[in-house]
Amino acid sequence: MSSNRLSIALQFSALGLLWGASFLFMKVALGGVSFGQVAWTRLVLGALTLGLVMLVLRTKLPREPIVYLHFVVIGAFGCAIPYLLFAWAEQYVTSGLASIYNAVTPITTALMVTLVFRVEKLDRSRVLGVVAGILGVIVIIGPWSFVASEAAHGDLLLELAGQLACIGSAVCYGFTFGYIRRFISNRHPVSGLTAAFLQVGMGAAILLVLTPFVALGPISLDLPIVLSLVLLGVLGTGLAYYWYMNILNAWGPTATSTVTYLTPVVGVALGILLLGETLSWNAPVGAVIVFAGILLAQGRLRLPHRRGPGSGRVARDAEKAAAEAG
């Protein structure tokens, strides 16, 4: 294996590990800081890291002012809001369950690019994939448990709210990819590294403006909490995006998107091994249904059908969403 191929393979492994571990880092960090402080620190450290990479590689920024306005929207829905939602959610759900919900992003992307932005069309296989994804989410939520149990009703409601917040994050990611497809990809193309820096940087700028509302408050730091915040920001939000762009350029979207199947496995395994978390039977069953839906939504599994216009682009958008969500 050539040194470059080995480097890309190592970056892919590190990417899956870091994005899967991000949910563990958030859970540990919440032991000493608020959910807003987790998201704030993650974005600021990630933006600084990507900014340094931009300087080292002498990557140019776009000149059109409209691009920066678009990336304000992308930074809000692609970073600031979902990071806040995931961090808030992990106060009430396990890190492993949050990592499973993150994998729903390709399904929400397929919905956004077709129903909201109307830049693509779904064929029968992909419609079935979306339906399967939604069914899988319902199985993961397990609504029967909320109906059947009257004990600890308040805790169950908070857990449900946390799960809905995770789904909200996945919807934000799907909206972001649809927005990029509609307003950036064909009108104002920018390099992958530049897009990553602008997205994370604008997300950080938004939370910096909102500092009095999201980041002020008491903190209690120890070594595990500090390490979790640093790893989450510098590696999981900074370098991981840079590695993702390298992998995408080397392998293309189809191979790169397989990280979608790795991150929930890592997230669940770390939660069980390091935090003693448990999952009810419906979470892994629902995850399998979601993954089947992703395969259909990405065009990897197909029903016999006549190929329609634009169907291939839906698959590519879903693949890219699968790879970037983390």
C-alpha atoms as a PDB file:
ATOM      1  CA  MET A   1       0.000   0.000   0.000  1.00  0.00           C
ATOM      2  CA  SER A   2       1.402   3.407  -0.962  1.00  0.00           C
ATOM      3  CA  SER A   3       2.069   5.973   1.755  1.00  0.00           C
ATOM      4  CA  ASN A   4      -0.770   8.195   0.476  1.00  0.00           C
ATOM      5  CA  ARG A   5      -3.294   5.351   0.453  1.00  0.00           C
ATOM      6  CA  LEU A   6      -2.183   4.339   3.943  1.00  0.00           C
ATOM      7  CA  SER A   7      -2.559   7.941   5.113  1.00  0.00           C
ATOM      8  CA  ILE A   8      -6.107   8.165   3.759  1.00  0.00           C
ATOM      9  CA  ALA A   9      -7.026   4.822   5.328  1.00  0.00           C
ATOM     10  CA  LEU A  10      -5.697   5.989   8.692  1.00  0.00           C
ATOM     11  CA  GLN A  11      -7.590   9.269   8.380  1.00  0.00           C
ATOM     12  CA  PHE A  12     -10.792   7.359   7.617  1.00  0.00           C
ATOM     13  CA  SER A  13     -10.326   5.161  10.690  1.00  0.00           C
ATOM     14  CA  ALA A  14      -9.580   8.212  12.835  1.00  0.00           C
ATOM     15  CA  LEU A  15     -12.630  10.001  11.414  1.00  0.00           C
ATOM     16  CA  GLY A  16     -15.013   7.190  12.317  1.00  0.00           C
ATOM     17  CA  LEU A  17     -13.475   6.871  15.759  1.00  0.00           C
ATOM     18  CA  LEU A  18     -13.571  10.606  16.501  1.00  0.00           C
ATOM     19  CA  TRP A  19     -17.077  11.223  15.225  1.00  0.00           C
ATOM     20  CA  GLY A  20     -18.306   8.199  17.121  1.00  0.00           C
ATOM     21  CA  ALA A  21     -16.434   9.305  20.246  1.00  0.00           C
ATOM     22  CA  SER A  22     -17.820  12.845  20.000  1.00  0.00           C
ATOM     23  CA  PHE A  23     -20.974  11.708  21.760  1.00  0.00           C
ATOM     24  CA  LEU A  24     -18.895  10.262  24.598  1.00  0.00           C
ATOM     25  CA  PHE A  25     -16.926  13.524  24.851  1.00  0.00           C
ATOM     26  CA  MET A  26     -20.149  15.522  25.128  1.00  0.00           C
ATOM     27  CA  LYS A  27     -21.507  13.224  27.830  1.00  0.00           C
ATOM     28  CA  VAL A  28     -18.335  13.466  29.913  1.00  0.00           C
ATOM     29  CA  ALA A  29     -18.076  17.250  29.463  1.00  0.00           C
ATOM     30  CA  LEU A  30     -21.642  17.715  30.689  1.00  0.00           C
ATOM     31  CA  GLY A  31     -20.427  16.544  34.092  1.00  0.00           C
ATOM     32  CA  GLY A  32     -18.820  19.935  34.660  1.00  0.00           C
ATOM     33  CA  VAL A  33     -20.176  22.454  32.157  1.00  0.00           C
ATOM     34  CA  SER A  34     -23.561  23.330  30.695  1.00  0.00           C
ATOM     35  CA  PHE A  35     -24.804  22.109  27.327  1.00  0.00           C
ATOM     36  CA  GLY A  36     -24.343  25.615  25.910  1.00  0.00           C
ATOM     37  CA  GLN A  37     -20.757  25.720  27.112  1.00  0.00           C
ATOM     38  CA  VAL A  38     -20.100  22.359  25.449  1.00  0.00           C
ATOM     39  CA  ALA A  39     -21.339  23.611  22.066  1.00  0.00           C
ATOM     40  CA  TRP A  40     -19.589  26.986  22.479  1.00  0.00           C
ATOM     41  CA  THR A  41     -16.214  25.432  23.310  1.00  0.00           C
ATOM     42  CA  ARG A  42     -16.536  22.828  20.574  1.00  0.00           C
ATOM     43  CA  LEU A  43     -17.178  25.390  17.859  1.00  0.00           C
ATOM     44  CA  VAL A  44     -14.603  27.943  18.977  1.00  0.00           C
ATOM     45  CA  LEU A  45     -11.830  25.333  19.215  1.00  0.00           C
ATOM     46  CA  GLY A  46     -12.920  23.759  15.922  1.00  0.00           C
ATOM     47  CA  ALA A  47     -12.908  27.103  14.121  1.00  0.00           C
ATOM     48  CA  LEU A  48      -9.462  28.001  15.490  1.00  0.00           C
ATOM     49  CA  THR A  49      -8.094  24.619  14.404  1.00  0.00           C
ATOM     50  CA  LEU A  50      -9.475  24.891  10.871  1.00  0.00           C
ATOM     51  CA  GLY A  51      -8.266  28.494  10.684  1.00  0.00           C
ATOM     52  CA  LEU A  52      -4.731  27.322  11.454  1.00  0.00           C
ATOM     53  CA  VAL A  53      -4.994  24.629   8.766  1.00  0.00           C
ATOM     54  CA  MET A  54      -6.174  27.293   6.310  1.00  0.00           C
ATOM     55  CA  LEU A  55      -3.161  29.463   7.166  1.00  0.00           C
ATOM     56  CA  VAL A  56      -0.666  26.616   6.904  1.00  0.00           C
ATOM     57  CA  LEU A  57      -2.042  25.505   3.532  1.00  0.00           C
ATOM     58  CA  ARG A  58      -2.508  29.123   2.397  1.00  0.00           C
ATOM     59  CA  THR A  59      -6.077  28.438   1.349  1.00  0.00           C
ATOM     60  CA  LYS A  60      -7.880  31.466  -0.050  1.00  0.00           C
ATOM     61  CA  LEU A  61     -11.255  32.694   1.121  1.00  0.00           C
ATOM     62  CA  PRO A  62     -14.033  33.553  -1.362  1.00  0.00           C
ATOM     63  CA  ARG A  63     -14.428  37.179  -2.425  1.00  0.00           C
ATOM     64  CA  GLU A  64     -18.198  37.364  -2.979  1.00  0.00           C
ATOM     65  CA  PRO A  65     -19.988  38.844   0.075  1.00  0.00           C
ATOM     66  CA  ILE A  66     -23.105  36.771  -0.623  1.00  0.00           C
ATOM     67  CA  VAL A  67     -21.131  33.601   0.103  1.00  0.00           C
ATOM     68  CA  TYR A  68     -20.555  34.712   3.677  1.00  0.00           C
ATOM     69  CA  LEU A  69     -24.248  35.453   4.140  1.00  0.00           C
ATOM     70  CA  HIS A  70     -25.097  31.955   2.929  1.00  0.00           C
ATOM     71  CA  PHE A  71     -22.580  30.476   5.342  1.00  0.00           C
ATOM     72  CA  VAL A  72     -24.223  32.315   8.232  1.00  0.00           C
ATOM     73  CA  VAL A  73     -27.279  30.143   7.532  1.00  0.00           C
ATOM     74  CA  ILE A  74     -25.110  27.071   7.014  1.00  0.00           C
ATOM     75  CA  GLY A  75     -23.157  27.735  10.213  1.00  0.00           C
ATOM     76  CA  ALA A  76     -26.389  28.139  12.174  1.00  0.00           C
ATOM     77  CA  PHE A  77     -28.167  25.013  10.924  1.00  0.00           C
ATOM     78  CA  GLY A  78     -25.074  22.917  10.240  1.00  0.00           C
ATOM     79  CA  CYS A  79     -23.245  23.588  13.517  1.00  0.00           C
ATOM     80  CA  ALA A  80     -24.614  26.002  16.111  1.00  0.00           C
ATOM     81  CA  ILE A  81     -28.180  24.680  16.450  1.00  0.00           C
ATOM     82  CA  PRO A  82     -27.495  20.923  16.107  1.00  0.00           C
ATOM     83  CA  TYR A  83     -24.504  21.089  18.465  1.00  0.00           C
ATOM     84  CA  LEU A  84     -26.659  22.831  21.056  1.00  0.00           C
ATOM     85  CA  LEU A  85     -29.454  20.311  20.549  1.00  0.00           C
ATOM     86  CA  PHE A  86     -27.203  17.264  20.824  1.00  0.00           C
ATOM     87  CA  ALA A  87     -25.471  18.608  23.930  1.00  0.00           C
ATOM     88  CA  TRP A  88     -28.857  19.440  25.523  1.00  0.00           C
ATOM     89  CA  ALA A  89     -30.238  16.026  24.555  1.00  0.00           C
ATOM     90  CA  GLU A  90     -27.381  14.120  26.156  1.00  0.00           C
ATOM     91  CA  GLN A  91     -28.484  15.408  29.534  1.00  0.00           C
ATOM     92  CA  TYR A  92     -31.412  12.989  29.177  1.00  0.00           C
ATOM     93  CA  VAL A  93     -30.381  10.277  26.698  1.00  0.00           C
ATOM     94  CA  THR A  94     -27.327   8.058  26.487  1.00  0.00           C
ATOM     95  CA  SER A  95     -24.399   8.964  24.268  1.00  0.00           C
ATOM     96  CA  GLY A  96     -24.916   5.719  22.352  1.00  0.00           C
ATOM     97  CA  LEU A  97     -28.533   6.541  21.561  1.00  0.00           C
ATOM     98  CA  ALA A  98     -27.540  10.040  20.417  1.00  0.00           C
ATOM     99  CA  SER A  99     -24.958   8.538  18.051  1.00  0.00           C
ATOM    100  CA  ILE A 100     -27.634   6.298  16.555  1.00  0.00           C
ATOM    101  CA  TYR A 101     -29.924   9.270  15.907  1.00  0.00           C
ATOM    102  CA  ASN A 102     -27.061  11.076  14.191  1.00  0.00           C
ATOM    103  CA  ALA A 103     -27.120   8.352  11.546  1.00  0.00           C
ATOM    104  CA  VAL A 104     -30.632   9.450  10.506  1.00  0.00           C
ATOM    105  CA  THR A 105     -29.087  12.442   8.655  1.00  0.00           C
ATOM    106  CA  PRO A 106     -29.135  10.848   5.162  1.00  0.00           C
ATOM    107  CA  ILE A 107     -32.880  10.295   5.534  1.00  0.00           C
ATOM    108  CA  THR A 108     -33.557  13.903   6.543  1.00  0.00           C
ATOM    109  CA  THR A 109     -31.307  15.076   3.713  1.00  0.00           C
ATOM    110  CA  ALA A 110     -33.324  13.130   1.156  1.00  0.00           C
ATOM    111  CA  LEU A 111     -36.498  14.744   2.514  1.00  0.00           C
ATOM    112  CA  MET A 112     -35.046  18.253   2.477  1.00  0.00           C
ATOM    113  CA  VAL A 113     -33.585  18.179  -1.036  1.00  0.00           C
ATOM    114  CA  THR A 114     -36.874  16.898  -2.439  1.00  0.00           C
ATOM    115  CA  LEU A 115     -39.689  18.397  -0.351  1.00  0.00           C
ATOM    116  CA  VAL A 116     -38.197  21.678   0.899  1.00  0.00           C
ATOM    117  CA  PHE A 117     -35.614  22.808  -1.654  1.00  0.00           C
ATOM    118  CA  ARG A 118     -37.079  20.822  -4.572  1.00  0.00           C
ATOM    119  CA  VAL A 119     -33.714  20.349  -6.238  1.00  0.00           C
ATOM    120  CA  GLU A 120     -34.142  16.581  -6.679  1.00  0.00           C
ATOM    121  CA  LYS A 121     -36.772  13.914  -7.099  1.00  0.00           C
ATOM    122  CA  LEU A 122     -37.156  10.609  -5.291  1.00  0.00           C
ATOM    123  CA  ASP A 123     -37.741   7.375  -7.174  1.00  0.00           C
ATOM    124  CA  ARG A 124     -39.657   4.450  -5.664  1.00  0.00           C
ATOM    125  CA  SER A 125     -36.615   2.869  -4.012  1.00  0.00           C
ATOM    126  CA  ARG A 126     -35.648   6.098  -2.305  1.00  0.00           C
ATOM    127  CA  VAL A 127     -39.202   6.802  -1.186  1.00  0.00           C
ATOM    128  CA  LEU A 128     -39.178   3.349   0.414  1.00  0.00           C
ATOM    129  CA  GLY A 129     -35.824   4.211   1.997  1.00  0.00           C
ATOM    130  CA  VAL A 130     -37.241   7.380   3.547  1.00  0.00           C
ATOM    131  CA  VAL A 131     -40.294   5.488   4.826  1.00  0.00           C
ATOM    132  CA  ALA A 132     -38.040   2.790   6.291  1.00  0.00           C
ATOM    133  CA  GLY A 133     -35.896   5.461   7.933  1.00  0.00           C
ATOM    134  CA  ILE A 134     -38.924   7.088   9.547  1.00  0.00           C
ATOM    135  CA  LEU A 135     -40.184   3.686  10.713  1.00  0.00           C
ATOM    136  CA  GLY A 136     -36.763   2.960  12.187  1.00  0.00           C
ATOM    137  CA  VAL A 137     -36.850   6.230  14.126  1.00  0.00           C
ATOM    138  CA  ILE A 138     -40.268   5.341  15.542  1.00  0.00           C
ATOM    139  CA  VAL A 139     -38.922   1.958  16.644  1.00  0.00           C
ATOM    140  CA  ILE A 140     -35.921   3.622  18.309  1.00  0.00           C
ATOM    141  CA  ILE A 141     -38.170   6.062  20.186  1.00  0.00           C
ATOM    142  CA  GLY A 142     -40.338   3.155  21.349  1.00  0.00           C
ATOM    143  CA  PRO A 143     -43.582   5.098  21.935  1.00  0.00           C
ATOM    144  CA  TRP A 144     -45.150   2.036  23.575  1.00  0.00           C
ATOM    145  CA  SER A 145     -42.791   2.445  26.545  1.00  0.00           C
ATOM    146  CA  PHE A 146     -44.128   5.938  27.231  1.00  0.00           C
ATOM    147  CA  VAL A 147     -47.712   4.756  27.034  1.00  0.00           C
ATOM    148  CA  ALA A 148     -47.274   1.593  29.104  1.00  0.00           C
ATOM    149  CA  SER A 149     -45.191   3.004  31.938  1.00  0.00           C
ATOM    150  CA  GLU A 150     -46.652   5.380  34.484  1.00  0.00           C
ATOM    151  CA  ALA A 151     -43.656   5.254  36.815  1.00  0.00           C
ATOM    152  CA  ALA A 152     -41.087   8.046  36.564  1.00  0.00           C
ATOM    153  CA  HIS A 153     -43.343   9.740  34.036  1.00  0.00           C
ATOM    154  CA  GLY A 154     -41.382  13.003  34.233  1.00  0.00           C
ATOM    155  CA  ASP A 155     -38.114  11.217  33.454  1.00  0.00           C
ATOM    156  CA  LEU A 156     -39.714   9.503  30.470  1.00  0.00           C
ATOM    157  CA  LEU A 157     -40.927  12.824  29.127  1.00  0.00           C
ATOM    158  CA  LEU A 158     -37.436  14.302  29.469  1.00  0.00           C
ATOM    159  CA  GLU A 159     -35.989  11.279  27.680  1.00  0.00           C
ATOM    160  CA  LEU A 160     -38.538  11.722  24.905  1.00  0.00           C
ATOM    161  CA  ALA A 161     -37.627  15.422  24.672  1.00  0.00           C
ATOM    162  CA  GLY A 162     -33.973  14.452  24.413  1.00  0.00           C
ATOM    163  CA  GLN A 163     -34.702  12.011  21.604  1.00  0.00           C
ATOM    164  CA  LEU A 164     -36.731  14.648  19.765  1.00  0.00           C
ATOM    165  CA  ALA A 165     -33.805  17.072  20.156  1.00  0.00           C
ATOM    166  CA  CYS A 166     -31.508  14.487  18.536  1.00  0.00           C
ATOM    167  CA  ILE A 167     -33.953  14.154  15.662  1.00  0.00           C
ATOM    168  CA  GLY A 168     -34.025  17.953  15.432  1.00  0.00           C
ATOM    169  CA  SER A 169     -30.249  17.917  15.009  1.00  0.00           C
ATOM    170  CA  ALA A 170     -30.518  15.422  12.165  1.00  0.00           C
ATOM    171  CA  VAL A 171     -33.180  17.613  10.535  1.00  0.00           C
ATOM    172  CA  CYS A 172     -30.829  20.601  10.813  1.00  0.00           C
ATOM    173  CA  TYR A 173     -28.060  18.629   9.122  1.00  0.00           C
ATOM    174  CA  GLY A 174     -30.440  17.603   6.338  1.00  0.00           C
ATOM    175  CA  PHE A 175     -31.548  21.206   5.884  1.00  0.00           C
ATOM    176  CA  THR A 176     -27.903  22.292   5.698  1.00  0.00           C
ATOM    177  CA  PHE A 177     -27.010  19.859   2.933  1.00  0.00           C
ATOM    178  CA  GLY A 178     -30.103  20.835   0.994  1.00  0.00           C
ATOM    179  CA  TYR A 179     -29.243  24.516   1.424  1.00  0.00           C
ATOM    180  CA  ILE A 180     -25.670  23.953   0.224  1.00  0.00           C
ATOM    181  CA  ARG A 181     -26.977  22.026  -2.757  1.00  0.00           C
ATOM    182  CA  ARG A 182     -29.425  24.817  -3.607  1.00  0.00           C
ATOM    183  CA  PHE A 183     -27.355  27.960  -2.995  1.00  0.00           C
ATOM    184  CA  ILE A 184     -23.656  27.051  -2.920  1.00  0.00           C
ATOM    185  CA  SER A 185     -22.733  23.984  -4.974  1.00  0.00           C
ATOM    186  CA  ASN A 186     -23.799  25.276  -8.386  1.00  0.00           C
ATOM    187  CA  ARG A 187     -23.762  29.052  -7.802  1.00  0.00           C
ATOM    188  CA  HIS A 188     -20.787  29.808  -5.550  1.00  0.00           C
ATOM    189  CA  PRO A 189     -18.517  26.742  -5.471  1.00  0.00           C
ATOM    190  CA  VAL A 190     -15.789  26.826  -2.829  1.00  0.00           C
ATOM    191  CA  SER A 191     -13.116  24.308  -1.891  1.00  0.00           C
ATOM    192  CA  GLY A 192     -13.943  21.643   0.657  1.00  0.00           C
ATOM    193  CA  LEU A 193     -11.564  22.980   3.291  1.00  0.00           C
ATOM    194  CA  THR A 194     -12.861  26.519   2.814  1.00  0.00           C
ATOM    195  CA  ALA A 195     -16.458  25.318   3.162  1.00  0.00           C
ATOM    196  CA  ALA A 196     -15.599  23.443   6.355  1.00  0.00           C
ATOM    197  CA  PHE A 197     -13.848  26.492   7.826  1.00  0.00           C
ATOM    198  CA  LEU A 198     -16.663  28.878   6.906  1.00  0.00           C
ATOM    199  CA  GLN A 199     -19.341  26.532   8.254  1.00  0.00           C
ATOM    200  CA  VAL A 200     -17.629  25.896  11.585  1.00  0.00           C
ATOM    201  CA  GLY A 201     -16.347  29.485  11.769  1.00  0.00           C
ATOM    202  CA  MET A 202     -19.768  31.019  11.228  1.00  0.00           C
ATOM    203  CA  GLY A 203     -21.257  28.631  13.760  1.00  0.00           C
ATOM    204  CA  ALA A 204     -18.606  29.733  16.250  1.00  0.00           C
ATOM    205  CA  ALA A 205     -19.283  33.396  15.473  1.00  0.00           C
ATOM    206  CA  ILE A 206     -22.997  32.914  16.153  1.00  0.00           C
ATOM    207  CA  LEU A 207     -22.355  31.346  19.535  1.00  0.00           C
ATOM    208  CA  LEU A 208     -19.781  34.007  20.376  1.00  0.00           C
ATOM    209  CA  VAL A 209     -22.477  36.627  19.822  1.00  0.00           C
ATOM    210  CA  LEU A 210     -24.816  34.573  22.019  1.00  0.00           C
ATOM    211  CA  THR A 211     -22.201  34.045  24.730  1.00  0.00           C
ATOM    212  CA  PRO A 212     -24.231  35.779  27.494  1.00  0.00           C
ATOM    213  CA  PHE A 213     -27.126  33.409  26.823  1.00  0.00           C
ATOM    214  CA  VAL A 214     -25.367  30.083  26.130  1.00  0.00           C
ATOM    215  CA  ALA A 215     -21.892  30.119  27.653  1.00  0.00           C
ATOM    216  CA  LEU A 216     -21.992  32.041  30.927  1.00  0.00           C
ATOM    217  CA  GLY A 217     -22.511  30.105  34.116  1.00  0.00           C
ATOM    218  CA  PRO A 218     -20.726  28.006  36.698  1.00  0.00           C
ATOM    219  CA  ILE A 219     -18.165  25.434  35.589  1.00  0.00           C
ATOM    220  CA  SER A 220     -16.461  22.578  37.388  1.00  0.00           C
ATOM    221  CA  LEU A 221     -13.425  21.293  35.521  1.00  0.00           C
ATOM    222  CA  ASP A 222     -11.303  18.229  35.996  1.00  0.00           C
ATOM    223  CA  LEU A 223      -8.897  16.444  33.670  1.00  0.00           C
ATOM    224  CA  PRO A 224     -11.489  14.182  31.930  1.00  0.00           C
ATOM    225  CA  ILE A 225     -13.807  17.146  31.280  1.00  0.00           C
ATOM    226  CA  VAL A 226     -11.015  19.356  29.906  1.00  0.00           C
ATOM    227  CA  LEU A 227      -9.674  16.546  27.715  1.00  0.00           C
ATOM    228  CA  SER A 228     -13.178  15.809  26.416  1.00  0.00           C
ATOM    229  CA  LEU A 229     -13.738  19.450  25.453  1.00  0.00           C
ATOM    230  CA  VAL A 230     -10.339  19.746  23.758  1.00  0.00           C
ATOM    231  CA  LEU A 231     -10.712  16.484  21.860  1.00  0.00           C
ATOM    232  CA  LEU A 232     -14.278  17.356  20.854  1.00  0.00           C
ATOM    233  CA  GLY A 233     -13.268  20.783  19.536  1.00  0.00           C
ATOM    234  CA  VAL A 234      -9.758  20.379  18.126  1.00  0.00           C
ATOM    235  CA  LEU A 235     -10.087  16.857  16.753  1.00  0.00           C
ATOM    236  CA  GLY A 236     -13.788  16.012  16.469  1.00  0.00           C
ATOM    237  CA  THR A 237     -14.841  19.404  15.055  1.00  0.00           C
ATOM    238  CA  GLY A 238     -11.585  20.754  13.619  1.00  0.00           C
ATOM    239  CA  LEU A 239      -9.160  18.223  12.179  1.00  0.00           C
ATOM    240  CA  ALA A 240     -11.913  15.682  11.516  1.00  0.00           C
ATOM    241  CA  TYR A 241     -13.489  18.015   8.951  1.00  0.00           C
ATOM    242  CA  TYR A 242     -10.105  18.437   7.256  1.00  0.00           C
ATOM    243  CA  TRP A 243      -9.566  14.677   7.186  1.00  0.00           C
ATOM    244  CA  TYR A 244     -13.055  14.218   5.782  1.00  0.00           C
ATOM    245  CA  MET A 245     -12.221  16.491   2.838  1.00  0.00           C
ATOM    246  CA  ASN A 246      -9.029  14.534   2.156  1.00  0.00           C
ATOM    247  CA  ILE A 247     -10.924  11.239   2.177  1.00  0.00           C
ATOM    248  CA  LEU A 248     -13.693  12.624  -0.029  1.00  0.00           C
ATOM    249  CA  ASN A 249     -11.166  13.791  -2.618  1.00  0.00           C
ATOM    250  CA  ALA A 250      -9.349  10.449  -2.564  1.00  0.00           C
ATOM    251  CA  TRP A 251     -12.220   7.968  -2.344  1.00  0.00           C
ATOM    252  CA  GLY A 252     -15.307   9.837  -3.539  1.00  0.00           C
ATOM    253  CA  PRO A 253     -18.659  10.161  -1.737  1.00  0.00           C
ATOM    254  CA  THR A 254     -19.751   6.509  -1.897  1.00  0.00           C
ATOM    255  CA  ALA A 255     -16.763   5.073  -0.035  1.00  0.00           C
ATOM    256  CA  THR A 256     -16.499   8.060   2.292  1.00  0.00           C
ATOM    257  CA  SER A 257     -20.139   7.769   3.330  1.00  0.00           C
ATOM    258  CA  THR A 258     -19.488   4.342   4.866  1.00  0.00           C
ATOM    259  CA  VAL A 259     -18.294   6.237   7.942  1.00  0.00           C
ATOM    260  CA  THR A 260     -22.033   6.537   8.693  1.00  0.00           C
ATOM    261  CA  TYR A 261     -22.103   2.889   9.667  1.00  0.00           C
ATOM    262  CA  LEU A 262     -18.966   3.162  11.794  1.00  0.00           C
ATOM    263  CA  THR A 263     -19.788   6.157  13.996  1.00  0.00           C
ATOM    264  CA  PRO A 264     -22.899   4.698  15.735  1.00  0.00           C
ATOM    265  CA  VAL A 265     -21.044   1.452  16.413  1.00  0.00           C
ATOM    266  CA  VAL A 266     -18.181   3.394  18.004  1.00  0.00           C
ATOM    267  CA  GLY A 267     -20.587   5.663  19.888  1.00  0.00           C
ATOM    268  CA  VAL A 268     -22.613   2.769  21.312  1.00  0.00           C
ATOM    269  CA  ALA A 269     -19.524   0.694  22.159  1.00  0.00           C
ATOM    270  CA  LEU A 270     -17.784   3.547  23.989  1.00  0.00           C
ATOM    271  CA  GLY A 271     -20.939   4.400  25.892  1.00  0.00           C
ATOM    272  CA  ILE A 272     -21.318   0.819  27.075  1.00  0.00           C
ATOM    273  CA  LEU A 273     -17.639   0.193  27.845  1.00  0.00           C
ATOM    274  CA  LEU A 274     -16.672   3.510  29.438  1.00  0.00           C
ATOM    275  CA  LEU A 275     -19.928   4.883  30.831  1.00  0.00           C
ATOM    276  CA  GLY A 276     -21.826   1.689  31.605  1.00  0.00           C
ATOM    277  CA  GLU A 277     -24.728   2.704  29.368  1.00  0.00           C
ATOM    278  CA  THR A 278     -27.395   0.248  28.297  1.00  0.00           C
ATOM    279  CA  LEU A 279     -29.699   0.139  25.295  1.00  0.00           C
ATOM    280  CA  SER A 280     -33.169  -1.360  25.152  1.00  0.00           C
ATOM    281  CA  TRP A 281     -33.841  -3.893  22.410  1.00  0.00           C
ATOM    282  CA  ASN A 282     -35.681  -1.415  20.200  1.00  0.00           C
ATOM    283  CA  ALA A 283     -32.681   0.924  19.729  1.00  0.00           C
ATOM    284  CA  PRO A 284     -30.454  -1.521  17.778  1.00  0.00           C
ATOM    285  CA  VAL A 285     -33.464  -2.949  15.932  1.00  0.00           C
ATOM    286  CA  GLY A 286     -34.543   0.528  14.885  1.00  0.00           C
ATOM    287  CA  ALA A 287     -30.950   1.344  13.904  1.00  0.00           C
ATOM    288  CA  VAL A 288     -30.861  -1.650  11.552  1.00  0.00           C
ATOM    289  CA  ILE A 289     -34.104  -0.458   9.920  1.00  0.00           C
ATOM    290  CA  VAL A 290     -32.641   3.053   9.575  1.00  0.00           C
ATOM    291  CA  PHE A 291     -29.478   1.666   7.951  1.00  0.00           C
ATOM    292  CA  ALA A 292     -31.596  -0.318   5.500  1.00  0.00           C
ATOM    293  CA  GLY A 293     -33.438   2.899   4.684  1.00  0.00           C
ATOM    294  CA  ILE A 294     -30.114   4.671   4.138  1.00  0.00           C
ATOM    295  CA  LEU A 295     -29.027   1.981   1.676  1.00  0.00           C
ATOM    296  CA  LEU A 296     -32.237   2.519  -0.263  1.00  0.00           C
ATOM    297  CA  ALA A 297     -32.036   6.316  -0.024  1.00  0.00           C
ATOM    298  CA  GLN A 298     -28.472   6.222  -1.322  1.00  0.00           C
ATOM    299  CA  GLY A 299     -29.398   3.968  -4.238  1.00  0.00           C
ATOM    300  CA  ARG A 300     -27.282   1.055  -3.022  1.00  0.00           C
ATOM    301  CA  LEU A 301     -30.384  -1.122  -2.794  1.00  0.00           C
ATOM    302  CA  ARG A 302     -32.922  -0.727  -5.561  1.00  0.00           C
ATOM    303  CA  LEU A 303     -36.391  -1.836  -6.474  1.00  0.00           C
ATOM    304  CA  PRO A 304     -36.983  -2.562 -10.159  1.00  0.00           C
ATOM    305  CA  HIS A 305     -37.869   0.836 -11.598  1.00  0.00           C
ATOM    306  CA  ARG A 306     -37.298   3.208 -14.451  1.00  0.00           C
ATOM    307  CA  ARG A 307     -34.511   5.654 -13.705  1.00  0.00           C
ATOM    308  CA  GLY A 308     -35.882   9.186 -13.376  1.00  0.00           C
ATOM    309  CA  PRO A 309     -34.171  12.518 -13.884  1.00  0.00           C
ATOM    310  CA  GLY A 310     -32.065  13.721 -10.985  1.00  0.00           C
ATOM    311  CA  SER A 311     -32.252  10.448  -9.035  1.00  0.00           C
ATOM    312  CA  GLY A 312     -28.492  10.050  -8.991  1.00  0.00           C
ATOM    313  CA  ARG A 313     -27.989  13.436  -7.362  1.00  0.00           C
ATOM    314  CA  VAL A 314     -30.256  12.455  -4.483  1.00  0.00           C
ATOM    315  CA  ALA A 315     -27.995   9.494  -3.817  1.00  0.00           C
ATOM    316  CA  ARG A 316     -24.891  11.647  -3.898  1.00  0.00           C
ATOM    317  CA  ASP A 317     -26.446  14.222  -1.552  1.00  0.00           C
ATOM    318  CA  ALA A 318     -27.465  11.444   0.844  1.00  0.00           C
ATOM    319  CA  GLU A 319     -23.988   9.939   0.700  1.00  0.00           C
ATOM    320  CA  LYS A 320     -22.345  13.263   1.425  1.00  0.00           C
ATOM    321  CA  ALA A 321     -24.750  13.935   4.270  1.00  0.00           C
ATOM    322  CA  ALA A 322     -24.014  10.513   5.687  1.00  0.00           C
ATOM    323  CA  ALA A 323     -20.307  11.182   5.660  1.00  0.00           C
ATOM    324  CA  GLU A 324     -20.344  14.755   6.988  1.00  0.00           C
ATOM    325  CA  ALA A 325     -22.825  14.365   9.843  1.00  0.00           C
ATOM    326  CA  GLY A 326     -20.857  14.133  13.003  1.00  0.00           C
END
